N, C-alpha and C. Protein backbone atom coordinates (compact mmCIF):
# COMPACT_ATOMS: atom_id res chain seq x y z
N MET A 1 -1.63 312.24 112.97
CA MET A 1 -0.75 313.44 113.29
C MET A 1 0.71 312.78 113.55
N LEU A 2 1.68 313.36 113.02
CA LEU A 2 2.94 313.02 113.26
C LEU A 2 3.60 313.85 114.41
N GLU A 3 4.33 313.28 115.33
CA GLU A 3 4.85 313.90 116.57
C GLU A 3 6.25 313.42 116.78
N LYS A 4 7.28 314.35 116.77
CA LYS A 4 8.71 313.87 116.96
C LYS A 4 8.89 313.99 118.42
N GLN A 5 9.43 312.90 119.02
CA GLN A 5 9.53 312.81 120.34
C GLN A 5 11.09 313.29 120.75
N ALA A 6 11.33 313.41 121.89
CA ALA A 6 12.61 314.09 122.49
C ALA A 6 13.87 313.20 121.97
N ASP A 7 13.61 311.76 121.94
CA ASP A 7 14.69 310.98 121.49
C ASP A 7 14.78 310.83 119.91
N GLY A 8 13.93 311.56 119.25
CA GLY A 8 14.21 311.58 117.85
C GLY A 8 13.09 310.59 117.06
N THR A 9 12.49 309.79 117.82
CA THR A 9 11.58 308.94 117.22
C THR A 9 10.31 309.69 116.80
N ILE A 10 9.59 309.12 115.78
CA ILE A 10 8.36 309.81 115.40
C ILE A 10 7.20 308.89 115.67
N VAL A 11 6.10 309.52 116.34
CA VAL A 11 4.97 308.79 116.72
C VAL A 11 3.78 309.27 115.80
N LEU A 12 3.13 308.28 115.19
CA LEU A 12 1.93 308.55 114.30
C LEU A 12 0.72 308.23 115.09
N ASP A 13 -0.10 309.32 115.27
CA ASP A 13 -1.36 309.18 115.97
C ASP A 13 -2.49 309.44 114.92
N GLY A 14 -3.42 308.49 114.87
CA GLY A 14 -4.47 308.68 113.88
C GLY A 14 -5.30 307.41 114.05
N GLN A 15 -6.33 307.21 112.98
CA GLN A 15 -7.20 306.23 113.03
C GLN A 15 -7.43 305.77 111.61
N LEU A 16 -7.51 304.41 111.43
CA LEU A 16 -7.72 303.73 110.18
C LEU A 16 -9.13 303.17 110.01
N MET A 17 -9.79 303.61 108.93
CA MET A 17 -11.19 303.30 108.72
C MET A 17 -11.41 302.53 107.46
N ASP A 18 -12.06 301.49 107.32
CA ASP A 18 -12.42 300.78 106.20
C ASP A 18 -13.58 301.57 105.38
N ILE A 19 -13.32 302.05 104.27
CA ILE A 19 -14.34 302.75 103.56
C ILE A 19 -14.78 302.11 102.36
N THR A 20 -14.49 300.74 102.32
CA THR A 20 -14.89 299.97 101.16
C THR A 20 -16.49 300.11 100.90
N GLU A 21 -17.18 299.92 101.85
CA GLU A 21 -18.69 299.93 101.54
C GLU A 21 -19.11 301.40 101.08
N LEU A 22 -18.53 302.39 101.64
CA LEU A 22 -18.84 303.85 101.19
C LEU A 22 -18.45 303.95 99.68
N LYS A 23 -17.29 303.56 99.38
CA LYS A 23 -16.84 303.71 98.00
C LYS A 23 -17.81 302.86 96.99
N GLN A 24 -18.24 301.59 97.44
CA GLN A 24 -19.11 300.81 96.64
C GLN A 24 -20.43 301.56 96.47
N THR A 25 -20.86 302.16 97.46
CA THR A 25 -22.24 302.79 97.51
C THR A 25 -22.07 304.00 96.51
N GLU A 26 -20.92 304.91 96.68
CA GLU A 26 -20.82 305.96 95.82
C GLU A 26 -20.75 305.53 94.35
N LYS A 27 -20.13 304.31 93.99
CA LYS A 27 -20.02 303.92 92.66
C LYS A 27 -21.45 303.51 92.17
N ALA A 28 -22.15 302.86 92.99
CA ALA A 28 -23.47 302.55 92.56
C ALA A 28 -24.45 303.70 92.35
N LEU A 29 -24.23 304.70 93.24
CA LEU A 29 -25.09 305.89 93.06
C LEU A 29 -24.62 306.63 91.73
N ARG A 30 -23.37 306.67 91.33
CA ARG A 30 -23.04 307.30 90.12
C ARG A 30 -23.56 306.56 88.88
N HIS A 31 -23.50 305.19 89.12
CA HIS A 31 -24.08 304.42 87.98
C HIS A 31 -25.58 304.63 87.73
N LYS A 32 -26.33 304.72 88.87
CA LYS A 32 -27.66 304.89 88.82
C LYS A 32 -28.05 306.31 88.36
N ASN A 33 -27.25 307.27 88.70
CA ASN A 33 -27.37 308.64 88.20
C ASN A 33 -27.17 308.68 86.56
N ASP A 34 -26.27 308.06 86.24
CA ASP A 34 -25.87 307.87 84.77
C ASP A 34 -27.07 307.16 83.97
N ASP A 35 -27.63 306.26 84.63
CA ASP A 35 -28.84 305.54 84.08
C ASP A 35 -30.03 306.52 83.93
N LEU A 36 -30.20 307.22 84.94
CA LEU A 36 -31.27 308.21 84.98
C LEU A 36 -31.11 309.27 83.90
N ALA A 37 -29.98 309.69 83.92
CA ALA A 37 -29.70 310.74 82.85
C ALA A 37 -29.93 310.23 81.46
N ASN A 38 -29.44 309.06 81.27
CA ASN A 38 -29.64 308.51 79.90
C ASN A 38 -31.20 308.34 79.58
N THR A 39 -31.91 307.88 80.58
CA THR A 39 -33.33 307.72 80.50
C THR A 39 -33.99 309.06 80.10
N LEU A 40 -33.63 310.10 80.89
CA LEU A 40 -34.21 311.43 80.61
C LEU A 40 -33.79 311.96 79.11
N GLN A 41 -32.66 311.70 78.67
CA GLN A 41 -32.27 311.97 77.32
C GLN A 41 -33.17 311.25 76.40
N GLN A 42 -33.45 309.90 76.57
CA GLN A 42 -34.33 309.19 75.71
C GLN A 42 -35.80 309.65 75.63
N LEU A 43 -36.11 310.13 76.90
CA LEU A 43 -37.44 310.69 76.91
C LEU A 43 -37.67 311.99 76.28
N LYS A 44 -36.67 312.74 76.42
CA LYS A 44 -36.57 314.10 75.66
C LYS A 44 -36.61 313.94 74.07
N ALA A 45 -36.00 312.79 73.69
CA ALA A 45 -35.85 312.63 72.20
C ALA A 45 -37.20 312.07 71.66
N THR A 46 -38.13 311.76 72.41
CA THR A 46 -39.34 311.21 71.98
C THR A 46 -40.50 312.28 71.89
């Protein structure tokens, strides 16, 4: 959140989080979902 002070300065209040692991997990899940969808399509074709 940005807050303008009486003297004109701006103070930023918030938090910083490392979401690298979350993004890597999401990517792996999307890849696995794609693999499963492809397998399902192959099974339907037989």
